[in-house]
Amino acid sequence: MEEKKNVFDVLKERGYIAQTSNEEEIRKQLGEGSVTMYCGYDPTGDSLHIGHFLTLMAAHYLQEAGHKIITLVGGGTASIGDPSGKNDMRKMLTREELAHNAESLKKQISKFLDYTDDKAIMVDNADWLFKLEFLPFLRDIAVTFSVNKMLTAECYKSRMEQGLTLLEFCYMPMQSYDFLELNRKYNCTMEFGGDDQWSNMIGGIELIRKKERKDVNVFTFNLLTTSDGKKMGKTEKGALFLDPAKTTPYEFYQYFRNVQDADVRKCLCLLTFLPLDEIDKLCNVEGAAINHAKEVLAYETTKIVHGEEEAKKCDEAAKAVFSGQGNNENMPTKDLDKTLLDGEFGLLDMLVTTAILPSKSEARRLVEQGGVSINSEKVTDVKMMITKDLFKDDEIIVQKGKKNFFKVKLV
């Protein structure tokens, strides 16, 4: 019988691992028995995004290997806001906003892990951080942190010129305290997360060492970036969210259907459960053949996040657009009031009214550049009028750029 591979090796081979506090020790512990570990998600918004999805994928691998996962929703730390990677101070949220966001995140996170039989638990650090008293916290916890050392951390260095508030400066001690609390209550001995959290996570190791005389470990995952180093998951609407109300399943599918060729293998390794040998077969191709790998990537990621039924619908809609096959029922639909066509109603009016483009100036520029098509016919006349005879069964297909298709429906 083939020996089961150490989950740390699995994560490393697939490209997750960025930094470790002690690789040899982490690998040894993950291979010997069940380890209790945690990852935190601050509810600064009411939806997770694609960067969070990467950590949840890794958490799934860790749970499948028999380890207990604590998912921490940071209702307390989010009231401060993590300065990591930010040029300005985060917006201050009310207790009500934080509670609403925390509940939304808990529902999303629960889809990705098995919480039955205590295999995973979910906690909210608001339960202990809001109960802390200021002077006792300073005397018992904050006293263990060196200001000089904290100022060398990347999350603080990048904010020194713009101005770093005392509030934000407390973020690292607060996150470190989370690790201490979880260690004391659940014997949690590892933390994992995105590589931008490295400084905060190291703070937790040192706090537990000083307060409990115990050694714990942390490991971080590579951030989801494109081959040229830019953060992946940015769309015209903002972040690529997991909430279907913010990013529709079709938009989610289309994002991965249209990733750069150089990023396909990385995304298949990090964001799907496909075996590496299958990924190699999909990606070891030349030219346009890589498009099949993109279709598989889009389908698999959408299936994990939104379910198989939605993934099939998105696949059908994409085929309707790219090959003229399948049906277009699931293509993003924009409603247009048919009475607008009773008067003079131009192409630019339609593009803005349906929110396909945000302004007439942008619409004009894209049309002049040849970036707009209607029913597969390129439109170059910015003064073109939209009339009812363009619509077949009250519908037209509008293409924006190379990859964005919309069904405009008269209502």
Protein backbone atom coordinates (compact mmCIF):
# COMPACT_ATOMS: atom_id res chain seq x y z
CA MET A 1 0.00 0.00 0.00
CA GLU A 2 1.37 3.41 -1.02
CA GLU A 3 2.39 5.59 1.91
CA LYS A 4 0.22 8.67 2.34
CA LYS A 5 2.09 11.86 1.44
CA ASN A 6 2.72 14.44 4.16
CA VAL A 7 0.24 17.29 3.68
CA PHE A 8 3.06 19.83 4.03
CA ASP A 9 4.74 18.28 0.99
CA VAL A 10 1.42 18.40 -0.88
CA LEU A 11 1.03 22.13 -0.14
CA LYS A 12 4.64 22.80 -1.06
CA GLU A 13 4.44 20.92 -4.36
CA ARG A 14 1.30 22.80 -5.34
CA GLY A 15 2.98 26.16 -4.65
CA TYR A 16 1.23 27.29 -1.48
CA ILE A 17 4.12 27.60 0.97
CA ALA A 18 5.89 30.96 1.22
CA GLN A 19 7.56 31.20 4.66
CA THR A 20 7.78 28.96 7.72
CA SER A 21 8.96 29.59 11.26
CA ASN A 22 10.55 26.11 11.33
CA GLU A 23 9.95 24.00 8.21
CA GLU A 24 11.46 20.81 9.57
CA GLU A 25 9.43 20.93 12.77
CA ILE A 26 6.18 21.87 10.98
CA ARG A 27 6.56 19.05 8.48
CA LYS A 28 7.34 16.58 11.28
CA GLN A 29 4.29 17.58 13.36
CA LEU A 30 1.92 17.55 10.37
CA GLY A 31 3.09 14.02 9.53
CA GLU A 32 2.90 12.55 13.02
CA GLY A 33 -0.60 13.25 14.29
CA SER A 34 -3.50 15.68 14.44
CA VAL A 35 -2.46 19.30 14.96
CA THR A 36 -4.84 22.07 15.99
CA MET A 37 -4.19 25.19 13.92
CA TYR A 38 -5.95 28.39 12.99
CA CYS A 39 -6.38 30.99 10.27
CA GLY A 40 -8.01 34.39 10.72
CA TYR A 41 -10.38 36.38 8.48
CA ASP A 42 -11.15 39.98 9.40
CA PRO A 43 -14.72 41.05 8.53
CA THR A 44 -13.78 44.44 7.09
CA GLY A 45 -16.37 43.67 4.39
CA ASP A 46 -19.33 41.32 4.10
CA SER A 47 -17.75 38.94 1.59
CA LEU A 48 -14.57 36.93 1.22
CA HIS A 49 -12.56 37.40 -1.97
CA ILE A 50 -10.37 35.18 -4.11
CA GLY A 51 -7.31 35.71 -1.86
CA HIS A 52 -9.26 34.23 1.07
CA PHE A 53 -10.32 31.35 -1.16
CA LEU A 54 -6.68 30.30 -1.53
CA THR A 55 -6.28 29.94 2.25
CA LEU A 56 -9.56 28.01 2.47
CA MET A 57 -8.33 25.61 -0.21
CA ALA A 58 -5.19 25.00 1.82
CA ALA A 59 -7.29 24.59 4.98
CA HIS A 60 -9.30 21.91 3.17
CA TYR A 61 -6.11 19.96 2.38
CA LEU A 62 -5.00 20.28 6.00
CA GLN A 63 -8.36 19.08 7.32
CA GLU A 64 -8.43 16.16 4.89
CA ALA A 65 -5.06 15.13 6.34
CA GLY A 66 -6.65 14.87 9.78
CA HIS A 67 -5.78 18.22 11.32
CA LYS A 68 -8.25 20.32 13.31
CA ILE A 69 -8.89 23.75 11.82
CA ILE A 70 -9.99 26.78 13.82
CA THR A 71 -11.37 29.48 11.54
CA LEU A 72 -11.25 32.77 13.37
CA VAL A 73 -13.48 35.63 12.28
CA GLY A 74 -11.85 38.81 13.53
CA GLY A 75 -14.79 40.83 14.80
CA GLY A 76 -12.40 42.39 17.31
CA THR A 77 -9.26 42.94 15.23
CA ALA A 78 -11.35 44.35 12.37
CA SER A 79 -12.44 47.16 14.69
CA ILE A 80 -8.81 48.34 14.49
CA GLY A 81 -7.91 47.35 10.95
CA ASP A 82 -4.74 45.64 9.77
CA PRO A 83 -2.23 48.21 8.40
CA SER A 84 -0.52 45.53 6.25
CA GLY A 85 -0.38 46.60 2.61
CA LYS A 86 -2.40 49.78 3.21
CA ASN A 87 -1.35 53.33 2.39
CA ASP A 88 -4.09 54.86 4.50
CA MET A 89 -5.91 53.97 7.67
CA ARG A 90 -8.85 51.64 7.14
CA LYS A 91 -12.39 52.91 7.52
CA MET A 92 -13.63 52.57 11.10
CA LEU A 93 -16.61 50.22 11.26
CA THR A 94 -19.38 50.27 13.86
CA ARG A 95 -20.05 47.31 16.14
CA GLU A 96 -23.24 46.65 14.14
CA GLU A 97 -21.37 46.65 10.81
CA LEU A 98 -18.70 44.34 12.20
CA ALA A 99 -21.32 41.92 13.56
CA HIS A 100 -23.16 41.87 10.21
CA ASN A 101 -19.95 41.29 8.25
CA ALA A 102 -18.80 38.60 10.67
CA GLU A 103 -22.05 36.64 10.25
CA SER A 104 -21.77 36.90 6.44
CA LEU A 105 -18.20 35.59 6.49
CA LYS A 106 -19.09 32.73 8.83
CA LYS A 107 -21.73 31.51 6.37
CA GLN A 108 -19.26 31.63 3.48
CA ILE A 109 -16.41 29.94 5.35
CA SER A 110 -18.69 27.10 6.53
CA LYS A 111 -19.13 25.95 2.91
CA PHE A 112 -15.47 24.98 2.54
CA LEU A 113 -14.73 22.91 5.65
CA ASP A 114 -16.38 20.10 7.57
CA TYR A 115 -17.55 21.41 10.95
CA THR A 116 -19.21 18.16 12.08
CA ASP A 117 -17.88 16.14 15.01
CA ASP A 118 -15.53 18.95 16.07
CA LYS A 119 -13.35 18.49 12.94
CA ALA A 120 -13.29 22.27 12.65
CA ILE A 121 -14.61 25.07 14.83
CA MET A 122 -15.33 28.71 14.18
CA VAL A 123 -14.59 31.45 16.72
CA ASP A 124 -14.88 35.23 16.80
CA ASN A 125 -12.15 37.21 18.56
CA ALA A 126 -14.72 39.87 19.46
CA ASP A 127 -15.70 37.42 22.22
CA TRP A 128 -12.45 38.11 24.08
CA LEU A 129 -10.91 41.27 22.63
CA PHE A 130 -13.87 43.50 23.50
CA LYS A 131 -13.70 42.25 27.08
CA LEU A 132 -10.04 43.18 27.58
CA GLU A 133 -9.28 45.95 30.04
CA PHE A 134 -6.75 48.50 28.84
CA LEU A 135 -4.28 48.71 31.74
CA PRO A 136 -4.20 44.96 32.44
CA PHE A 137 -3.60 44.34 28.72
CA LEU A 138 -0.73 46.85 28.70
CA ARG A 139 0.86 45.36 31.81
CA ASP A 140 0.39 41.69 30.88
CA ILE A 141 0.63 41.59 27.06
CA ALA A 142 1.88 44.83 25.53
CA VAL A 143 4.90 44.87 27.84
CA THR A 144 6.31 41.86 25.96
CA PHE A 145 6.48 43.74 22.61
CA SER A 146 9.51 45.78 21.57
CA VAL A 147 8.54 48.99 19.75
CA ASN A 148 11.93 49.08 18.01
CA LYS A 149 11.41 45.56 16.69
CA MET A 150 7.80 46.22 15.65
CA LEU A 151 8.86 49.24 13.60
CA THR A 152 11.08 47.01 11.46
CA ALA A 153 8.04 44.93 10.42
CA GLU A 154 6.98 45.53 6.82
CA CYS A 155 3.35 46.17 7.80
CA TYR A 156 4.46 49.21 9.83
CA LYS A 157 7.46 50.40 7.80
CA SER A 158 5.29 51.08 4.76
CA ARG A 159 3.02 53.35 6.80
CA MET A 160 5.60 55.46 8.59
CA GLU A 161 5.70 58.26 6.01
CA GLN A 162 1.91 58.57 5.74
CA GLY A 163 1.46 58.37 9.50
CA LEU A 164 0.79 55.35 11.67
CA THR A 165 -1.80 55.70 14.44
CA LEU A 166 -1.47 54.16 17.90
CA LEU A 167 -4.72 52.33 17.12
CA GLU A 168 -3.17 50.51 14.14
CA PHE A 169 0.05 49.95 16.06
CA CYS A 170 -1.98 47.79 18.45
CA TYR A 171 -3.01 45.41 15.65
CA MET A 172 0.01 43.14 15.97
CA PRO A 173 -0.34 42.69 19.77
CA MET A 174 -4.07 41.99 19.28
CA GLN A 175 -3.51 39.32 16.60
CA SER A 176 -0.72 37.83 18.69
CA TYR A 177 -3.10 37.71 21.65
CA ASP A 178 -5.54 35.69 19.51
CA PHE A 179 -2.91 32.98 19.11
CA LEU A 180 -2.25 33.01 22.86
CA GLU A 181 -5.97 32.74 23.63
CA LEU A 182 -6.43 29.84 21.19
CA ASN A 183 -3.33 28.10 22.52
CA ARG A 184 -4.61 28.31 26.07
CA LYS A 185 -8.19 27.28 25.26
CA TYR A 186 -7.76 24.73 22.45
CA ASN A 187 -4.04 23.82 22.54
CA CYS A 188 -3.70 25.48 19.13
CA THR A 189 -0.02 25.19 18.14
CA MET A 190 0.07 26.48 14.55
CA GLU A 191 -1.19 29.47 12.61
CA PHE A 192 -1.35 29.78 8.83
CA GLY A 193 -2.37 32.59 6.47
CA GLY A 194 -1.33 34.87 3.65
CA ASP A 195 2.30 35.96 3.43
CA ASP A 196 1.33 39.59 4.15
CA GLN A 197 0.57 38.40 7.72
CA TRP A 198 4.09 37.13 8.44
CA SER A 199 5.07 39.91 10.88
CA ASN A 200 1.82 39.62 12.84
CA MET A 201 2.15 35.84 13.02
CA ILE A 202 5.73 35.97 14.29
CA GLY A 203 4.44 38.25 17.08
CA GLY A 204 2.17 35.41 18.21
CA ILE A 205 5.05 32.94 18.38
CA GLU A 206 7.08 35.27 20.59
CA LEU A 207 4.15 36.14 22.86
CA ILE A 208 3.36 32.45 23.54
CA ARG A 209 7.02 31.71 24.14
CA LYS A 210 7.22 34.51 26.73
CA LYS A 211 3.89 33.89 28.45
CA GLU A 212 3.52 30.09 28.23
CA ARG A 213 7.11 28.92 27.72
CA LYS A 214 5.90 26.93 24.69
CA ASP A 215 7.12 26.66 21.12
CA VAL A 216 4.51 27.12 18.42
CA ASN A 217 4.86 27.55 14.66
CA VAL A 218 3.45 29.52 11.75
CA PHE A 219 3.55 29.15 7.99
CA THR A 220 2.36 31.46 5.26
CA PHE A 221 1.05 30.99 1.75
CA ASN A 222 2.11 32.80 -1.38
CA LEU A 223 -0.27 35.60 -2.29
CA LEU A 224 -2.28 35.09 -5.47
CA THR A 225 -0.41 37.18 -8.03
CA THR A 226 -0.10 37.23 -11.80
CA SER A 227 3.12 36.20 -13.56
CA ASP A 228 4.19 39.86 -13.66
CA GLY A 229 3.76 40.26 -9.91
CA LYS A 230 0.41 42.08 -9.79
CA LYS A 231 -2.26 41.08 -7.30
CA MET A 232 -4.72 38.69 -8.94
CA GLY A 233 -8.46 39.05 -8.54
CA LYS A 234 -8.99 42.67 -9.53
CA THR A 235 -11.96 43.28 -11.81
CA GLU A 236 -13.61 46.39 -13.21
CA LYS A 237 -16.05 46.23 -10.28
CA GLY A 238 -13.26 45.78 -7.72
CA ALA A 239 -12.26 42.55 -6.01
CA LEU A 240 -13.29 39.10 -7.22
CA PHE A 241 -15.74 38.22 -4.45
CA LEU A 242 -17.08 34.81 -3.44
CA ASP A 243 -20.54 36.28 -2.77
CA PRO A 244 -22.66 35.72 -5.93
CA ALA A 245 -24.52 38.97 -5.24
CA LYS A 246 -21.24 40.90 -5.59
CA THR A 247 -19.54 38.85 -8.31
CA THR A 248 -21.96 36.69 -10.28
CA PRO A 249 -20.98 33.06 -10.91
CA TYR A 250 -20.67 33.89 -14.62
CA GLU A 251 -18.32 36.82 -13.92
CA PHE A 252 -16.34 34.56 -11.59
CA TYR A 253 -16.15 31.88 -14.27
CA GLN A 254 -15.18 34.39 -16.95
CA TYR A 255 -12.37 35.79 -14.82
CA PHE A 256 -10.60 32.43 -14.77
CA ARG A 257 -11.54 31.61 -18.36
CA ASN A 258 -9.63 34.74 -19.35
CA VAL A 259 -6.49 34.57 -17.16
CA GLN A 260 -3.14 35.02 -18.85
CA ASP A 261 -1.61 31.86 -20.34
CA ALA A 262 1.34 32.12 -17.94
CA ASP A 263 -0.97 32.01 -14.90
CA VAL A 264 -3.08 28.96 -15.79
CA ARG A 265 -0.89 26.30 -14.15
CA LYS A 266 -0.45 28.30 -10.94
CA CYS A 267 -4.22 28.80 -10.63
CA LEU A 268 -4.96 25.13 -11.34
CA CYS A 269 -2.49 24.10 -8.61
CA LEU A 270 -3.74 26.57 -5.99
CA LEU A 271 -7.44 26.88 -6.72
CA THR A 272 -8.54 23.38 -7.78
CA PHE A 273 -8.20 19.86 -6.40
CA LEU A 274 -7.01 18.40 -9.70
CA PRO A 275 -3.97 16.06 -9.37
CA LEU A 276 -0.66 17.56 -10.46
CA ASP A 277 -0.13 15.03 -13.23
CA GLU A 278 -3.49 15.99 -14.74
CA ILE A 279 -2.58 19.67 -14.45
CA ASP A 280 0.71 19.00 -16.22
CA LYS A 281 -1.13 17.31 -19.11
CA LEU A 282 -3.51 20.26 -19.40
CA CYS A 283 -0.74 22.85 -19.38
CA ASN A 284 2.02 21.15 -21.40
CA VAL A 285 0.53 22.35 -24.67
CA GLU A 286 1.30 25.05 -27.20
CA GLY A 287 -0.65 27.92 -28.66
CA ALA A 288 -4.44 28.05 -28.48
CA ALA A 289 -4.61 24.57 -26.92
CA ILE A 290 -4.12 26.24 -23.51
CA ASN A 291 -7.72 27.47 -23.81
CA HIS A 292 -8.96 24.02 -22.82
CA ALA A 293 -6.95 24.29 -19.59
CA LYS A 294 -8.57 27.68 -18.97
CA GLU A 295 -12.02 26.17 -19.43
CA VAL A 296 -11.18 23.44 -16.93
CA LEU A 297 -9.80 26.03 -14.49
CA ALA A 298 -12.91 28.21 -14.78
CA TYR A 299 -15.24 25.23 -14.37
CA GLU A 300 -13.41 23.69 -11.39
CA THR A 301 -13.05 26.94 -9.41
CA THR A 302 -16.67 27.91 -10.05
CA LYS A 303 -17.82 24.43 -9.01
CA ILE A 304 -15.97 24.68 -5.67
CA VAL A 305 -17.22 28.20 -4.89
CA HIS A 306 -20.73 28.18 -6.37
CA GLY A 307 -21.61 24.51 -6.87
CA GLU A 308 -21.66 22.14 -9.82
CA GLU A 309 -25.02 23.31 -11.17
CA GLU A 310 -23.85 26.93 -11.43
CA ALA A 311 -20.56 25.81 -12.98
CA LYS A 312 -22.46 23.91 -15.69
CA LYS A 313 -24.65 26.95 -16.40
CA CYS A 314 -21.58 29.17 -16.73
CA ASP A 315 -19.93 26.63 -19.01
CA GLU A 316 -23.02 26.59 -21.25
CA ALA A 317 -23.12 30.39 -21.38
CA ALA A 318 -19.42 30.59 -22.23
CA LYS A 319 -19.82 28.09 -25.07
CA ALA A 320 -22.70 30.14 -26.44
CA VAL A 321 -20.38 33.15 -26.57
CA PHE A 322 -17.09 31.63 -27.71
CA SER A 323 -18.25 28.95 -30.11
CA GLY A 324 -21.86 29.64 -30.91
CA GLN A 325 -22.85 26.41 -29.14
CA GLY A 326 -24.83 25.89 -25.98
CA ASN A 327 -27.43 28.37 -24.74
CA ASN A 328 -26.98 31.96 -23.58
CA GLU A 329 -29.59 31.90 -20.82
CA ASN A 330 -26.90 32.30 -18.18
CA MET A 331 -25.05 35.14 -19.87
CA PRO A 332 -25.08 38.36 -17.78
CA THR A 333 -28.33 40.12 -18.70
CA LYS A 334 -28.95 43.86 -18.81
CA ASP A 335 -32.55 45.03 -18.91
CA LEU A 336 -33.44 47.96 -21.14
CA ASP A 337 -36.75 49.82 -20.98
CA LYS A 338 -38.24 49.37 -24.47
CA THR A 339 -40.00 52.75 -24.28
CA LEU A 340 -36.57 54.44 -24.52
CA LEU A 341 -36.44 53.29 -28.14
CA ASP A 342 -39.58 55.26 -28.99
CA GLY A 343 -37.45 58.39 -29.20
CA GLU A 344 -33.89 58.99 -30.33
CA PHE A 345 -31.72 56.58 -28.36
CA GLY A 346 -28.10 56.17 -29.34
CA LEU A 347 -25.48 53.47 -28.87
CA LEU A 348 -23.66 55.47 -26.18
CA ASP A 349 -26.97 55.99 -24.34
CA MET A 350 -27.56 52.24 -24.31
CA LEU A 351 -24.05 51.37 -23.10
CA VAL A 352 -24.34 53.77 -20.17
CA THR A 353 -28.02 53.11 -19.34
CA THR A 354 -27.33 49.37 -19.05
CA ALA A 355 -24.13 50.03 -17.03
CA ILE A 356 -22.04 48.12 -19.56
CA LEU A 357 -19.79 51.19 -19.44
CA PRO A 358 -19.74 53.82 -16.69
CA SER A 359 -19.79 56.99 -18.81
CA LYS A 360 -20.42 58.27 -22.31
CA SER A 361 -16.80 59.38 -22.63
CA GLU A 362 -15.56 55.86 -21.91
CA ALA A 363 -18.21 54.40 -24.20
CA ARG A 364 -17.20 56.78 -27.01
CA ARG A 365 -13.51 55.92 -26.59
CA LEU A 366 -14.14 52.15 -26.68
CA VAL A 367 -16.39 52.38 -29.75
CA GLU A 368 -13.82 54.52 -31.59
CA GLN A 369 -11.15 51.93 -30.73
CA GLY A 370 -13.27 49.14 -32.23
CA GLY A 371 -13.99 47.54 -28.89
CA VAL A 372 -17.79 47.22 -29.14
CA SER A 373 -19.80 44.70 -31.17
CA ILE A 374 -23.54 44.09 -31.44
CA ASN A 375 -24.72 40.65 -32.52
CA SER A 376 -21.13 39.79 -33.57
CA GLU A 377 -20.88 42.91 -35.80
CA LYS A 378 -18.23 45.48 -34.83
CA VAL A 379 -19.67 48.97 -34.33
CA THR A 380 -17.51 52.01 -35.10
CA ASP A 381 -20.13 54.76 -35.46
CA VAL A 382 -20.49 56.56 -32.11
CA LYS A 383 -23.68 58.21 -33.47
CA MET A 384 -25.37 54.88 -34.21
CA MET A 385 -29.02 54.81 -33.15
CA ILE A 386 -30.48 51.84 -31.29
CA THR A 387 -33.79 50.73 -32.80
CA LYS A 388 -36.17 47.85 -32.12
CA ASP A 389 -35.33 46.10 -35.39
CA LEU A 390 -31.84 45.30 -34.00
CA PHE A 391 -33.44 43.05 -31.40
CA LYS A 392 -34.35 39.45 -32.13
CA ASP A 393 -36.92 38.18 -29.64
CA ASP A 394 -36.29 41.43 -27.73
CA GLU A 395 -32.60 40.57 -27.22
CA ILE A 396 -29.22 41.59 -28.57
CA ILE A 397 -25.72 40.44 -27.61
CA VAL A 398 -23.29 43.24 -26.84
CA GLN A 399 -19.56 42.51 -26.73
CA LYS A 400 -17.25 44.85 -24.79
CA GLY A 401 -13.58 44.35 -25.57
CA LYS A 402 -12.43 40.83 -26.37
CA LYS A 403 -13.87 38.93 -23.46
CA ASN A 404 -16.98 40.57 -21.99
CA PHE A 405 -20.39 39.65 -23.36
CA PHE A 406 -23.82 40.86 -22.26
CA LYS A 407 -27.36 40.03 -23.24
CA VAL A 408 -29.41 43.24 -23.46
CA LYS A 409 -33.10 42.44 -23.08
CA LEU A 410 -36.01 44.77 -23.76
CA VAL A 411 -38.45 44.92 -20.87
